[in-house]
Every structure is written in structure tokens, then in C-alpha cells.
PDB file of N, CA and C in Angstrom:
ATOM      1  N   MET A   1     -58.654 -97.456  60.247  1.00  0.00           N
ATOM      2  CA  MET A   1     -58.787 -96.561  60.984  1.00  0.00           C
ATOM      3  C   MET A   1     -58.154 -95.230  60.414  1.00  0.00           C
ATOM      4  N   ARG A   2     -58.776 -94.285  60.459  1.00  0.00           N
ATOM      5  CA  ARG A   2     -58.243 -93.007  59.257  1.00  0.00           C
ATOM      6  C   ARG A   2     -57.026 -92.438  60.013  1.00  0.00           C
ATOM      7  N   ASP A   3     -56.081 -92.192  59.240  1.00  0.00           N
ATOM      8  CA  ASP A   3     -55.043 -91.532  59.829  1.00  0.00           C
ATOM      9  C   ASP A   3     -54.428 -90.299  58.961  1.00  0.00           C
ATOM     10  N   THR A   4     -55.270 -89.710  57.911  1.00  0.00           N
ATOM     11  CA  THR A   4     -55.152 -88.832  57.108  1.00  0.00           C
ATOM     12  C   THR A   4     -56.162 -87.872  56.916  1.00  0.00           C
ATOM     13  N   ALA A   5     -55.887 -86.657  57.075  1.00  0.00           N
ATOM     14  CA  ALA A   5     -56.939 -85.683  56.916  1.00  0.00           C
ATOM     15  C   ALA A   5     -57.090 -85.039  55.418  1.00  0.00           C
ATOM     16  N   ILE A   6     -58.030 -84.933  54.862  1.00  0.00           N
ATOM     17  CA  ILE A   6     -58.409 -84.312  53.456  1.00  0.00           C
ATOM     18  C   ILE A   6     -59.174 -82.975  53.681  1.00  0.00           C
ATOM     19  N   ASN A   7     -58.720 -82.010  53.285  1.00  0.00           N
ATOM     20  CA  ASN A   7     -59.288 -80.413  53.686  1.00  0.00           C
ATOM     21  C   ASN A   7     -59.578 -80.168  52.175  1.00  0.00           C
ATOM     22  N   LEU A   8     -60.888 -79.610  52.330  1.00  0.00           N
ATOM     23  CA  LEU A   8     -61.379 -78.968  51.012  1.00  0.00           C
ATOM     24  C   LEU A   8     -62.342 -77.590  51.605  1.00  0.00           C
ATOM     25  N   ARG A   9     -62.582 -76.330  50.625  1.00  0.00           N
ATOM     26  CA  ARG A   9     -63.407 -75.416  50.883  1.00  0.00           C
ATOM     27  C   ARG A   9     -64.438 -75.712  49.809  1.00  0.00           C
ATOM     28  N   ALA A  10     -65.786 -75.402  50.479  1.00  0.00           N
ATOM     29  CA  ALA A  10     -66.852 -75.538  49.538  1.00  0.00           C
ATOM     30  C   ALA A  10     -67.967 -74.127  49.840  1.00  0.00           C
ATOM     31  N   ARG A  11     -68.670 -74.084  48.923  1.00  0.00           N
ATOM     32  CA  ARG A  11     -69.579 -72.809  48.994  1.00  0.00           C
ATOM     33  C   ARG A  11     -70.658 -73.384  50.217  1.00  0.00           C
ATOM     34  N   SER A  12     -71.324 -72.789  50.733  1.00  0.00           N
ATOM     35  CA  SER A  12     -72.503 -73.204  51.803  1.00  0.00           C
ATOM     36  C   SER A  12     -73.668 -74.017  50.966  1.00  0.00           C
ATOM     37  N   GLU A  13     -74.001 -73.526  49.604  1.00  0.00           N
ATOM     38  CA  GLU A  13     -74.932 -74.308  48.891  1.00  0.00           C
ATOM     39  C   GLU A  13     -74.617 -75.662  48.699  1.00  0.00           C
ATOM     40  N   GLN A  14     -73.193 -75.927  48.505  1.00  0.00           N
ATOM     41  CA  GLN A  14     -72.588 -76.994  48.090  1.00  0.00           C
ATOM     42  C   GLN A  14     -72.725 -78.084  49.480  1.00  0.00           C
ATOM     43  N   ARG A  15     -72.262 -77.449  50.523  1.00  0.00           N
ATOM     44  CA  ARG A  15     -72.067 -78.238  51.808  1.00  0.00           C
ATOM     45  C   ARG A  15     -73.520 -78.556  52.118  1.00  0.00           C
ATOM     46  N   ASP A  16     -74.473 -78.004  51.895  1.00  0.00           N
ATOM     47  CA  ASP A  16     -75.968 -78.013  52.180  1.00  0.00           C
ATOM     48  C   ASP A  16     -76.416 -79.242  51.544  1.00  0.00           C
ATOM     49  N   LEU A  17     -75.993 -78.950  50.038  1.00  0.00           N
ATOM     50  CA  LEU A  17     -76.355 -80.269  49.267  1.00  0.00           C
ATOM     51  C   LEU A  17     -76.024 -81.607  49.573  1.00  0.00           C
ATOM     52  N   ILE A  18     -74.685 -81.550  50.001  1.00  0.00           N
ATOM     53  CA  ILE A  18     -73.936 -82.827  50.299  1.00  0.00           C
ATOM     54  C   ILE A  18     -74.509 -83.449  51.709  1.00  0.00           C
ATOM     55  N   ASP A  19     -74.901 -82.443  52.502  1.00  0.00           N
ATOM     56  CA  ASP A  19     -75.417 -82.838  53.858  1.00  0.00           C
ATOM     57  C   ASP A  19     -76.771 -83.494  53.564  1.00  0.00           C
ATOM     58  N   ARG A  20     -77.577 -83.007  52.592  1.00  0.00           N
ATOM     59  CA  ARG A  20     -78.695 -83.527  52.294  1.00  0.00           C
ATOM     60  C   ARG A  20     -78.751 -84.805  51.943  1.00  0.00           C
ATOM     61  N   ALA A  21     -77.888 -85.104  50.880  1.00  0.00           N
ATOM     62  CA  ALA A  21     -77.822 -86.446  50.299  1.00  0.00           C
ATOM     63  C   ALA A  21     -77.051 -87.402  51.534  1.00  0.00           C
ATOM     64  N   ALA A  22     -76.144 -87.059  52.417  1.00  0.00           N
ATOM     65  CA  ALA A  22     -75.535 -87.804  53.308  1.00  0.00           C
ATOM     66  C   ALA A  22     -76.758 -88.365  54.519  1.00  0.00           C
ATOM     67  N   ARG A  23     -77.680 -87.165  54.584  1.00  0.00           N
ATOM     68  CA  ARG A  23     -78.743 -87.777  55.622  1.00  0.00           C
ATOM     69  C   ARG A  23     -79.672 -88.681  55.153  1.00  0.00           C
ATOM     70  N   ALA A  24     -79.840 -88.592  53.547  1.00  0.00           N
ATOM     71  CA  ALA A  24     -80.787 -89.519  52.908  1.00  0.00           C
ATOM     72  C   ALA A  24     -80.147 -90.828  52.884  1.00  0.00           C
ATOM     73  N   LEU A  25     -78.975 -91.098  53.021  1.00  0.00           N
ATOM     74  CA  LEU A  25     -78.189 -92.419  52.948  1.00  0.00           C
ATOM     75  C   LEU A  25     -78.009 -92.492  54.284  1.00  0.00           C
ATOM     76  N   GLY A  26     -78.213 -91.808  55.377  1.00  0.00           N
ATOM     77  CA  GLY A  26     -77.843 -92.129  56.827  1.00  0.00           C
ATOM     78  C   GLY A  26     -76.449 -92.269  57.242  1.00  0.00           C
ATOM     79  N   LYS A  27     -75.572 -91.276  56.418  1.00  0.00           N
ATOM     80  CA  LYS A  27     -74.442 -91.114  56.414  1.00  0.00           C
ATOM     81  C   LYS A  27     -73.982 -89.740  57.354  1.00  0.00           C
ATOM     82  N   ASN A  28     -72.695 -89.640  57.716  1.00  0.00           N
ATOM     83  CA  ASN A  28     -72.255 -88.304  57.950  1.00  0.00           C
ATOM     84  C   ASN A  28     -71.740 -87.685  56.974  1.00  0.00           C
ATOM     85  N   ARG A  29     -71.393 -86.572  56.801  1.00  0.00           N
ATOM     86  CA  ARG A  29     -70.823 -85.744  55.666  1.00  0.00           C
ATOM     87  C   ARG A  29     -69.451 -86.460  55.361  1.00  0.00           C
ATOM     88  N   SER A  30     -68.722 -86.664  56.346  1.00  0.00           N
ATOM     89  CA  SER A  30     -67.247 -87.027  55.945  1.00  0.00           C
ATOM     90  C   SER A  30     -67.424 -88.790  55.140  1.00  0.00           C
ATOM     91  N   ASP A  31     -68.169 -89.351  55.626  1.00  0.00           N
ATOM     92  CA  ASP A  31     -68.311 -90.826  55.127  1.00  0.00           C
ATOM     93  C   ASP A  31     -68.838 -90.705  53.809  1.00  0.00           C
ATOM     94  N   PHE A  32     -69.851 -89.787  53.529  1.00  0.00           N
ATOM     95  CA  PHE A  32     -70.444 -89.736  52.325  1.00  0.00           C
ATOM     96  C   PHE A  32     -69.605 -89.015  51.264  1.00  0.00           C
ATOM     97  N   MET A  33     -68.865 -88.121  51.748  1.00  0.00           N
ATOM     98  CA  MET A  33     -67.843 -87.635  50.720  1.00  0.00           C
ATOM     99  C   MET A  33     -66.733 -88.449  50.361  1.00  0.00           C
ATOM    100  N   LEU A  34     -66.257 -89.057  51.549  1.00  0.00           N
ATOM    101  CA  LEU A  34     -65.062 -90.089  50.904  1.00  0.00           C
ATOM    102  C   LEU A  34     -65.508 -91.249  50.018  1.00  0.00           C
ATOM    103  N   GLU A  35     -66.952 -91.685  50.428  1.00  0.00           N
ATOM    104  CA  GLU A  35     -67.288 -92.741  49.631  1.00  0.00           C
ATOM    105  C   GLU A  35     -67.566 -92.355  48.151  1.00  0.00           C
ATOM    106  N   ALA A  36     -68.118 -90.954  48.060  1.00  0.00           N
ATOM    107  CA  ALA A  36     -68.578 -90.577  46.895  1.00  0.00           C
ATOM    108  C   ALA A  36     -66.813 -90.435  46.035  1.00  0.00           C
ATOM    109  N   ALA A  37     -66.258 -89.760  46.681  1.00  0.00           N
ATOM    110  CA  ALA A  37     -64.878 -89.382  46.057  1.00  0.00           C
ATOM    111  C   ALA A  37     -64.039 -90.716  45.500  1.00  0.00           C
ATOM    112  N   CYS A  38     -64.068 -91.702  46.487  1.00  0.00           N
ATOM    113  CA  CYS A  38     -63.568 -92.799  46.360  1.00  0.00           C
ATOM    114  C   CYS A  38     -63.937 -93.618  45.120  1.00  0.00           C
ATOM    115  N   GLU A  39     -65.616 -93.593  44.841  1.00  0.00           N
ATOM    116  CA  GLU A  39     -66.044 -94.307  43.947  1.00  0.00           C
ATOM    117  C   GLU A  39     -65.908 -93.570  42.510  1.00  0.00           C
ATOM    118  N   LYS A  40     -65.612 -92.164  42.408  1.00  0.00           N
ATOM    119  CA  LYS A  40     -65.176 -91.603  41.467  1.00  0.00           C
ATOM    120  C   LYS A  40     -63.958 -91.853  41.048  1.00  0.00           C
ATOM    121  N   ALA A  41     -63.225 -91.684  41.887  1.00  0.00           N
ATOM    122  CA  ALA A  41     -61.586 -92.208  41.556  1.00  0.00           C
ATOM    123  C   ALA A  41     -61.518 -93.615  40.972  1.00  0.00           C
ATOM    124  N   GLN A  42     -61.936 -94.302  41.658  1.00  0.00           N
ATOM    125  CA  GLN A  42     -61.879 -95.898  41.013  1.00  0.00           C
ATOM    126  C   GLN A  42     -62.429 -95.878  39.733  1.00  0.00           C
ATOM    127  N   ALA A  43     -63.704 -95.249  39.586  1.00  0.00           N
ATOM    128  CA  ALA A  43     -64.054 -95.564  38.072  1.00  0.00           C
ATOM    129  C   ALA A  43     -63.231 -94.796  36.890  1.00  0.00           C
ATOM    130  N   ILE A  44     -62.363 -93.505  37.277  1.00  0.00           N
ATOM    131  CA  ILE A  44     -61.651 -92.982  36.445  1.00  0.00           C
ATOM    132  C   ILE A  44     -60.389 -93.863  36.310  1.00  0.00           C
ATOM    133  N   VAL A  45     -59.902 -94.540  37.278  1.00  0.00           N
ATOM    134  CA  VAL A  45     -58.779 -95.317  37.272  1.00  0.00           C
ATOM    135  C   VAL A  45     -59.041 -96.602  36.448  1.00  0.00           C
ATOM    136  N   LEU A  46     -60.228 -97.144  36.734  1.00  0.00           N
ATOM    137  CA  LEU A  46     -60.745 -98.184  35.823  1.00  0.00           C
ATOM    138  C   LEU A  46     -61.045 -97.943  34.290  1.00  0.00           C
ATOM    139  N   ASP A  47     -61.163 -96.761  34.183  1.00  0.00           N
ATOM    140  CA  ASP A  47     -61.616 -96.381  32.831  1.00  0.00           C
ATOM    141  C   ASP A  47     -60.391 -96.184  31.827  1.00  0.00           C
ATOM    142  N   ARG A  48     -59.332 -95.746  32.546  1.00  0.00           N
ATOM    143  CA  ARG A  48     -58.124 -95.656  31.991  1.00  0.00           C
ATOM    144  C   ARG A  48     -57.345 -97.054  31.898  1.00  0.00           C
ATOM    145  N   THR A  49     -57.775 -98.297  32.472  1.00  0.00           N
ATOM    146  CA  THR A  49     -56.926 -99.370  32.379  1.00  0.00           C
ATOM    147  C   THR A  49     -57.874-100.292  31.826  1.00  0.00           C
ATOM    148  N   PHE A  50     -59.358-100.286  31.940  1.00  0.00           N
ATOM    149  CA  PHE A  50     -60.084-101.182  31.224  1.00  0.00           C
ATOM    150  C   PHE A  50     -60.735-100.662  30.087  1.00  0.00           C
ATOM    151  N   PHE A  51     -60.709-101.429  28.878  1.00  0.00           N
ATOM    152  CA  PHE A  51     -61.611-100.736  27.754  1.00  0.00           C
ATOM    153  C   PHE A  51     -61.897-101.956  26.983  1.00  0.00           C
ATOM    154  N   ALA A  52     -63.229-101.949  26.310  1.00  0.00           N
ATOM    155  CA  ALA A  52     -64.019-102.914  25.473  1.00  0.00           C
ATOM    156  C   ALA A  52     -63.764-102.747  24.081  1.00  0.00           C
ATOM    157  N   LEU A  53     -63.641-103.683  23.360  1.00  0.00           N
ATOM    158  CA  LEU A  53     -63.667-103.805  22.012  1.00  0.00           C
ATOM    159  C   LEU A  53     -64.533-104.770  21.271  1.00  0.00           C
ATOM    160  N   ASP A  54     -65.033-104.264  20.315  1.00  0.00           N
ATOM    161  CA  ASP A  54     -65.684-105.270  19.559  1.00  0.00           C
ATOM    162  C   ASP A  54     -64.690-106.533  18.755  1.00  0.00           C
ATOM    163  N   ASP A  55     -65.211-107.572  18.187  1.00  0.00           N
ATOM    164  CA  ASP A  55     -64.291-108.591  17.730  1.00  0.00           C
ATOM    165  C   ASP A  55     -63.287-107.824  16.676  1.00  0.00           C
ATOM    166  N   ALA A  56     -63.715-107.087  15.846  1.00  0.00           N
ATOM    167  CA  ALA A  56     -62.949-106.439  14.809  1.00  0.00           C
ATOM    168  C   ALA A  56     -61.904-105.442  15.159  1.00  0.00           C
ATOM    169  N   ALA A  57     -62.380-104.880  16.121  1.00  0.00           N
ATOM    170  CA  ALA A  57     -61.324-103.595  16.690  1.00  0.00           C
ATOM    171  C   ALA A  57     -60.466-104.566  17.792  1.00  0.00           C
ATOM    172  N   PHE A  58     -60.649-105.559  18.351  1.00  0.00           N
ATOM    173  CA  PHE A  58     -59.862-106.257  19.105  1.00  0.00           C
ATOM    174  C   PHE A  58     -58.857-106.903  18.289  1.00  0.00           C
ATOM    175  N   LYS A  59     -59.223-107.546  17.118  1.00  0.00           N
ATOM    176  CA  LYS A  59     -58.218-108.051  16.153  1.00  0.00           C
ATOM    177  C   LYS A  59     -57.224-107.194  15.532  1.00  0.00           C
ATOM    178  N   ARG A  60     -57.622-105.763  15.365  1.00  0.00           N
ATOM    179  CA  ARG A  60     -56.783-104.532  14.999  1.00  0.00           C
ATOM    180  C   ARG A  60     -55.932-104.389  15.883  1.00  0.00           C
ATOM    181  N   PHE A  61     -56.345-104.352  17.317  1.00  0.00           N
ATOM    182  CA  PHE A  61     -55.671-103.967  18.479  1.00  0.00           C
ATOM    183  C   PHE A  61     -54.637-104.999  18.521  1.00  0.00           C
ATOM    184  N   THR A  62     -54.549-106.268  18.537  1.00  0.00           N
ATOM    185  CA  THR A  62     -53.857-107.397  18.889  1.00  0.00           C
ATOM    186  C   THR A  62     -52.863-107.235  17.666  1.00  0.00           C
ATOM    187  N   THR A  63     -53.299-107.091  16.468  1.00  0.00           N
ATOM    188  CA  THR A  63     -52.252-107.318  15.367  1.00  0.00           C
ATOM    189  C   THR A  63     -51.241-105.923  15.551  1.00  0.00           C
ATOM    190  N   LEU A  64     -51.839-104.758  16.026  1.00  0.00           N
ATOM    191  CA  LEU A  64     -50.918-103.701  15.970  1.00  0.00           C
ATOM    192  C   LEU A  64     -49.908-104.257  17.235  1.00  0.00           C
ATOM    193  N   LEU A  65     -50.275-104.513  18.244  1.00  0.00           N
ATOM    194  CA  LEU A  65     -49.387-105.088  19.486  1.00  0.00           C
ATOM    195  C   LEU A  65     -48.175-106.118  19.064  1.00  0.00           C
ATOM    196  N   ASP A  66     -48.742-107.178  18.058  1.00  0.00           N
ATOM    197  CA  ASP A  66     -47.765-108.075  17.886  1.00  0.00           C
ATOM    198  C   ASP A  66     -46.820-107.481  16.743  1.00  0.00           C
ATOM    199  N   ALA A  67     -47.242-106.423  15.909  1.00  0.00           N
ATOM    200  CA  ALA A  67     -46.424-106.054  14.917  1.00  0.00           C
ATOM    201  C   ALA A  67     -45.007-105.906  15.545  1.00  0.00           C
ATOM    202  N   PRO A  68     -44.078-106.016  14.589  1.00  0.00           N
ATOM    203  CA  PRO A  68     -42.656-105.786  14.948  1.00  0.00           C
ATOM    204  C   PRO A  68     -42.422-104.243  15.187  1.00  0.00           C
ATOM    205  N   ILE A  69     -41.611-103.942  16.009  1.00  0.00           N
ATOM    206  CA  ILE A  69     -41.363-102.413  16.201  1.00  0.00           C
ATOM    207  C   ILE A  69     -40.453-101.854  15.211  1.00  0.00           C
ATOM    208  N   GLU A  70     -40.763-100.526  14.716  1.00  0.00           N
ATOM    209  CA  GLU A  70     -40.363 -99.781  13.694  1.00  0.00           C
ATOM    210  C   GLU A  70     -39.076 -99.140  14.278  1.00  0.00           C
ATOM    211  N   PRO A  71     -37.783 -99.195  13.755  1.00  0.00           N
ATOM    212  CA  PRO A  71     -36.564 -98.565  14.247  1.00  0.00           C
ATOM    213  C   PRO A  71     -37.133 -97.134  14.605  1.00  0.00           C
ATOM    214  N   ASN A  72     -36.485 -96.658  15.732  1.00  0.00           N
ATOM    215  CA  ASN A  72     -36.633 -95.214  16.002  1.00  0.00           C
ATOM    216  C   ASN A  72     -35.478 -94.725  16.771  1.00  0.00           C
ATOM    217  N   PRO A  73     -34.510 -94.094  15.804  1.00  0.00           N
ATOM    218  CA  PRO A  73     -33.292 -93.483  16.583  1.00  0.00           C
ATOM    219  C   PRO A  73     -33.475 -92.648  17.406  1.00  0.00           C
ATOM    220  N   ALA A  74     -34.335 -91.757  17.539  1.00  0.00           N
ATOM    221  CA  ALA A  74     -34.395 -90.823  18.801  1.00  0.00           C
ATOM    222  C   ALA A  74     -34.609 -91.424  19.991  1.00  0.00           C
ATOM    223  N   LEU A  75     -35.563 -92.463  20.118  1.00  0.00           N
ATOM    224  CA  LEU A  75     -35.951 -92.991  21.163  1.00  0.00           C
ATOM    225  C   LEU A  75     -34.511 -94.083  21.563  1.00  0.00           C
ATOM    226  N   ASP A  76     -34.014 -94.591  20.648  1.00  0.00           N
ATOM    227  CA  ASP A  76     -32.935 -95.374  20.948  1.00  0.00           C
ATOM    228  C   ASP A  76     -31.597 -94.466  21.636  1.00  0.00           C
ATOM    229  N   ARG A  77     -31.583 -93.251  21.412  1.00  0.00           N
ATOM    230  CA  ARG A  77     -30.526 -92.320  21.630  1.00  0.00           C
ATOM    231  C   ARG A  77     -30.943 -91.939  23.109  1.00  0.00           C
ATOM    232  N   LEU A  78     -32.434 -91.610  23.319  1.00  0.00           N
ATOM    233  CA  LEU A  78     -32.867 -90.996  24.549  1.00  0.00           C
ATOM    234  C   LEU A  78     -32.597 -92.518  25.592  1.00  0.00           C
ATOM    235  N   LEU A  79     -32.726 -93.727  25.224  1.00  0.00           N
ATOM    236  CA  LEU A  79     -32.765 -94.715  26.071  1.00  0.00           C
ATOM    237  C   LEU A  79     -31.329 -95.176  26.482  1.00  0.00           C
ATOM    238  N   ALA A  80     -30.369 -94.752  25.517  1.00  0.00           N
ATOM    239  CA  ALA A  80     -29.013 -95.117  25.822  1.00  0.00           C
ATOM    240  C   ALA A  80     -28.562 -94.181  26.809  1.00  0.00           C
ATOM    241  N   ARG A  81     -28.735 -92.767  26.847  1.00  0.00           N
ATOM    242  CA  ARG A  81     -28.332 -91.826  27.656  1.00  0.00           C
ATOM    243  C   ARG A  81     -28.387 -92.246  29.232  1.00  0.00           C
ATOM    244  N   GLN A  82     -27.225 -92.068  30.077  1.00  0.00           N
ATOM    245  CA  GLN A  82     -27.339 -92.182  31.529  1.00  0.00           C
ATOM    246  C   GLN A  82     -27.930 -91.155  32.116  1.00  0.00           C
ATOM    247  N   PRO A  83     -29.101 -91.726  32.857  1.00  0.00           N
ATOM    248  CA  PRO A  83     -29.809 -90.552  33.729  1.00  0.00           C
ATOM    249  C   PRO A  83     -29.007 -89.871  34.533  1.00  0.00           C
ATOM    250  N   LEU A  84     -29.330 -88.368  34.905  1.00  0.00           N
ATOM    251  CA  LEU A  84     -28.643 -87.383  35.567  1.00  0.00           C
ATOM    252  C   LEU A  84     -28.224 -87.850  36.963  1.00  0.00           C
ATOM    253  N   TRP A  85     -29.199 -88.669  37.578  1.00  0.00           N
ATOM    254  CA  TRP A  85     -28.904 -89.225  39.010  1.00  0.00           C
ATOM    255  C   TRP A  85     -27.929 -90.174  39.233  1.00  0.00           C
ATOM    256  N   GLN A  86     -27.337 -90.979  37.792  1.00  0.00           N
ATOM    257  CA  GLN A  86     -26.479 -91.990  38.012  1.00  0.00           C
ATOM    258  C   GLN A  86     -24.882 -91.417  37.441  1.00  0.00           C
ATOM    259  N   LYS A  87     -25.003 -90.142  37.187  1.00  0.00           N
ATOM    260  CA  LYS A  87     -23.723 -89.307  36.845  1.00  0.00           C
ATOM    261  C   LYS A  87     -23.019 -88.968  37.823  1.00  0.00           C
TER     262      LYS A  87
END
């Protein structure tokens, strides 16, 4: 059950195009827009969490991940600070 509203403004040409596409799929405007937005959102999230590498690039990637961490004094100082909400 839907319990949250999403409001947006569009030009009439955009609305008409969306309505035409929704009718072509036998959907109403809301269902069409929600489905399209969720598909796009999912693609963006997956694009940022999944990536494909060829064998050479994967070997280089895993080598970099497995390499020892170089000292970083600035990062050490930052991590040693007490957060403001704990003061």
C-alpha cells in the first residue's frame, strides 16, 4: 500500500508525453512514473556498486586492495579526534 506522496511540477508537453507512454503500456500516470523512476534509481545505485573489469584490471584492482596501507598522519589525527556530539 502506498503511504507517501511524491509531488512534482511538469510542463504540459511532458505530462502529455508521459500520459501517452503510460496509455501505451496500459498503466496510469502514477504507476508509469513510479515504475520509471524506480528503474532509473535502481540503475544508478547498481552502477555505483557494481562494476566489471577485465582480468588484467581486476588483478591490478585486487593488488591495490591487498597492498599495505601507507601511513597518513592527517587521517590519523582526524580519526583520533573526539566527535563534537561526544564532547
